[in-house]
């Protein structure tokens, strides 16, 4: 696996799939037991179509920023208190290091969308 393939998979599985899941849950849930969902669900239901799109776009930005930050930590380009050693991310079939530019590759992919 190449780093470019990994960031494409992460984008699809973490960003696109999660956003789709959240949208589906927000659109189709009528009652919630979780306190966070209890709070957001009535707000979302009362949003206009444009407000709903804006809210989902905001969720997407949060997801992108979070994944970017994690990739930066794995690359070693983003500081995280308590992590003093370098990560070496490989796959079983190859010992080629994947994490050196994951954050940059991910952000380039996002910019292309």
C-alpha atoms as a PDB file:
ATOM      1  CA  UNK A   1       0.000   0.000   0.000  1.00  0.00           C
ATOM      2  CA  UNK A   2       1.174   3.474  -0.867  1.00  0.00           C
ATOM      3  CA  UNK A   3       0.592   6.522   1.374  1.00  0.00           C
ATOM      4  CA  UNK A   4      -1.693   8.026  -1.291  1.00  0.00           C
ATOM      5  CA  UNK A   5      -3.904   4.940  -1.182  1.00  0.00           C
ATOM      6  CA  UNK A   6      -4.089   5.082   2.608  1.00  0.00           C
ATOM      7  CA  UNK A   7      -5.245   8.704   2.714  1.00  0.00           C
ATOM      8  CA  UNK A   8      -7.892   7.989   0.047  1.00  0.00           C
ATOM      9  CA  UNK A   9      -9.194   5.081   2.127  1.00  0.00           C
ATOM     10  CA  UNK A  10      -9.157   7.154   5.313  1.00  0.00           C
ATOM     11  CA  UNK A  11     -10.994   9.985   3.573  1.00  0.00           C
ATOM     12  CA  UNK A  12     -13.685   7.616   2.324  1.00  0.00           C
ATOM     13  CA  UNK A  13     -14.089   5.558   5.490  1.00  0.00           C
ATOM     14  CA  UNK A  14     -13.571   8.228   8.151  1.00  0.00           C
ATOM     15  CA  UNK A  15     -14.816  11.446   6.556  1.00  0.00           C
ATOM     16  CA  UNK A  16     -17.331  10.508   3.862  1.00  0.00           C
ATOM     17  CA  UNK A  17     -18.852   7.446   5.553  1.00  0.00           C
ATOM     18  CA  UNK A  18     -19.116   9.099   8.980  1.00  0.00           C
ATOM     19  CA  UNK A  19     -20.666  12.217   7.510  1.00  0.00           C
ATOM     20  CA  UNK A  20     -23.175  10.073   5.635  1.00  0.00           C
ATOM     21  CA  UNK A  21     -23.957   8.191   8.851  1.00  0.00           C
ATOM     22  CA  UNK A  22     -24.469  11.407  10.833  1.00  0.00           C
ATOM     23  CA  UNK A  23     -26.676  12.857   8.111  1.00  0.00           C
ATOM     24  CA  UNK A  24     -28.772   9.683   8.007  1.00  0.00           C
ATOM     25  CA  UNK A  25     -29.116   9.628  11.790  1.00  0.00           C
ATOM     26  CA  UNK A  26     -30.044  13.313  11.941  1.00  0.00           C
ATOM     27  CA  UNK A  27     -32.574  12.972   9.136  1.00  0.00           C
ATOM     28  CA  UNK A  28     -34.204   9.753  10.353  1.00  0.00           C
ATOM     29  CA  UNK A  29     -34.002   9.749  14.151  1.00  0.00           C
ATOM     30  CA  UNK A  30     -37.138  10.929  15.913  1.00  0.00           C
ATOM     31  CA  UNK A  31     -36.206  10.136  19.514  1.00  0.00           C
ATOM     32  CA  UNK A  32     -32.871   9.906  21.253  1.00  0.00           C
ATOM     33  CA  UNK A  33     -31.670   8.747  24.661  1.00  0.00           C
ATOM     34  CA  UNK A  34     -28.106  10.081  24.473  1.00  0.00           C
ATOM     35  CA  UNK A  35     -27.966  13.568  26.070  1.00  0.00           C
ATOM     36  CA  UNK A  36     -25.946  15.047  23.194  1.00  0.00           C
ATOM     37  CA  UNK A  37     -28.354  13.687  20.584  1.00  0.00           C
ATOM     38  CA  UNK A  38     -31.314  14.835  22.719  1.00  0.00           C
ATOM     39  CA  UNK A  39     -29.896  18.339  22.545  1.00  0.00           C
ATOM     40  CA  UNK A  40     -28.972  18.491  18.866  1.00  0.00           C
ATOM     41  CA  UNK A  41     -31.881  16.588  17.333  1.00  0.00           C
ATOM     42  CA  UNK A  42     -34.612  19.192  18.004  1.00  0.00           C
ATOM     43  CA  UNK A  43     -32.297  21.937  16.740  1.00  0.00           C
ATOM     44  CA  UNK A  44     -31.491  20.030  13.556  1.00  0.00           C
ATOM     45  CA  UNK A  45     -35.141  19.195  12.896  1.00  0.00           C
ATOM     46  CA  UNK A  46     -36.002  22.896  13.090  1.00  0.00           C
ATOM     47  CA  UNK A  47     -33.147  23.986  10.829  1.00  0.00           C
ATOM     48  CA  UNK A  48     -33.967  25.181   7.338  1.00  0.00           C
ATOM     49  CA  UNK A  49     -32.510  23.234   4.413  1.00  0.00           C
ATOM     50  CA  UNK A  50     -29.634  25.732   4.142  1.00  0.00           C
ATOM     51  CA  UNK A  51     -28.965  25.570   7.887  1.00  0.00           C
ATOM     52  CA  UNK A  52     -28.864  21.767   7.716  1.00  0.00           C
ATOM     53  CA  UNK A  53     -26.339  21.910   4.863  1.00  0.00           C
ATOM     54  CA  UNK A  54     -24.256  24.444   6.797  1.00  0.00           C
ATOM     55  CA  UNK A  55     -24.337  22.277   9.920  1.00  0.00           C
ATOM     56  CA  UNK A  56     -23.244  19.179   7.965  1.00  0.00           C
ATOM     57  CA  UNK A  57     -20.469  21.190   6.296  1.00  0.00           C
ATOM     58  CA  UNK A  58     -19.316  22.243   9.752  1.00  0.00           C
ATOM     59  CA  UNK A  59     -19.257  18.599  10.862  1.00  0.00           C
ATOM     60  CA  UNK A  60     -17.182  17.798   7.783  1.00  0.00           C
ATOM     61  CA  UNK A  61     -14.666  20.518   8.655  1.00  0.00           C
ATOM     62  CA  UNK A  62     -14.382  19.173  12.204  1.00  0.00           C
ATOM     63  CA  UNK A  63     -13.826  15.637  10.885  1.00  0.00           C
ATOM     64  CA  UNK A  64     -11.216  16.813   8.365  1.00  0.00           C
ATOM     65  CA  UNK A  65      -9.350  18.858  10.971  1.00  0.00           C
ATOM     66  CA  UNK A  66      -9.386  15.986  13.450  1.00  0.00           C
ATOM     67  CA  UNK A  67      -8.097  13.407  10.968  1.00  0.00           C
ATOM     68  CA  UNK A  68      -5.493  15.870   9.688  1.00  0.00           C
ATOM     69  CA  UNK A  69      -4.259  16.447  13.225  1.00  0.00           C
ATOM     70  CA  UNK A  70      -3.981  12.701  13.912  1.00  0.00           C
ATOM     71  CA  UNK A  71      -2.093  12.177  10.640  1.00  0.00           C
ATOM     72  CA  UNK A  72       0.247  15.029  11.592  1.00  0.00           C
ATOM     73  CA  UNK A  73       0.959  13.303  14.905  1.00  0.00           C
ATOM     74  CA  UNK A  74       1.675  10.025  13.095  1.00  0.00           C
ATOM     75  CA  UNK A  75       3.932  11.858  10.614  1.00  0.00           C
ATOM     76  CA  UNK A  76       5.791  13.595  13.420  1.00  0.00           C
ATOM     77  CA  UNK A  77       4.967  17.045  12.041  1.00  0.00           C
ATOM     78  CA  UNK A  78       2.417  17.869  14.765  1.00  0.00           C
ATOM     79  CA  UNK A  79       3.404  17.990  18.415  1.00  0.00           C
ATOM     80  CA  UNK A  80       1.455  15.935  20.929  1.00  0.00           C
ATOM     81  CA  UNK A  81       2.407  16.128  24.581  1.00  0.00           C
ATOM     82  CA  UNK A  82       3.523  12.774  25.901  1.00  0.00           C
ATOM     83  CA  UNK A  83       4.627  11.367  22.544  1.00  0.00           C
ATOM     84  CA  UNK A  84       8.394  11.401  22.504  1.00  0.00           C
ATOM     85  CA  UNK A  85       9.124   8.632  20.014  1.00  0.00           C
ATOM     86  CA  UNK A  86       8.675   8.512  16.256  1.00  0.00           C
ATOM     87  CA  UNK A  87       5.888   6.395  14.831  1.00  0.00           C
ATOM     88  CA  UNK A  88       6.725   3.955  12.064  1.00  0.00           C
ATOM     89  CA  UNK A  89       3.611   2.922  10.173  1.00  0.00           C
ATOM     90  CA  UNK A  90       3.968  -0.012   7.774  1.00  0.00           C
ATOM     91  CA  UNK A  91       1.810  -2.817   6.408  1.00  0.00           C
ATOM     92  CA  UNK A  92       2.378  -6.542   6.866  1.00  0.00           C
ATOM     93  CA  UNK A  93       3.366  -7.155   3.268  1.00  0.00           C
ATOM     94  CA  UNK A  94       5.937  -4.376   3.039  1.00  0.00           C
ATOM     95  CA  UNK A  95       8.245  -2.648   5.447  1.00  0.00           C
ATOM     96  CA  UNK A  96       8.057   0.617   3.530  1.00  0.00           C
ATOM     97  CA  UNK A  97       7.295   3.474   5.911  1.00  0.00           C
ATOM     98  CA  UNK A  98       3.895   5.027   5.144  1.00  0.00           C
ATOM     99  CA  UNK A  99       3.899   7.936   7.529  1.00  0.00           C
ATOM    100  CA  UNK A 100       6.027  10.861   6.535  1.00  0.00           C
ATOM    101  CA  UNK A 101       3.655  12.953   4.431  1.00  0.00           C
ATOM    102  CA  UNK A 102       0.215  11.547   5.296  1.00  0.00           C
ATOM    103  CA  UNK A 103      -1.097  14.872   6.586  1.00  0.00           C
ATOM    104  CA  UNK A 104       0.059  16.760   3.481  1.00  0.00           C
ATOM    105  CA  UNK A 105      -1.275  14.083   1.137  1.00  0.00           C
ATOM    106  CA  UNK A 106      -4.613  14.091   2.953  1.00  0.00           C
ATOM    107  CA  UNK A 107      -4.954  17.880   2.817  1.00  0.00           C
ATOM    108  CA  UNK A 108      -4.034  17.882  -0.898  1.00  0.00           C
ATOM    109  CA  UNK A 109      -6.759  15.297  -1.502  1.00  0.00           C
ATOM    110  CA  UNK A 110      -9.289  17.426   0.381  1.00  0.00           C
ATOM    111  CA  UNK A 111      -8.325  20.531  -1.605  1.00  0.00           C
ATOM    112  CA  UNK A 112      -8.884  18.636  -4.872  1.00  0.00           C
ATOM    113  CA  UNK A 113     -12.492  17.783  -3.940  1.00  0.00           C
END
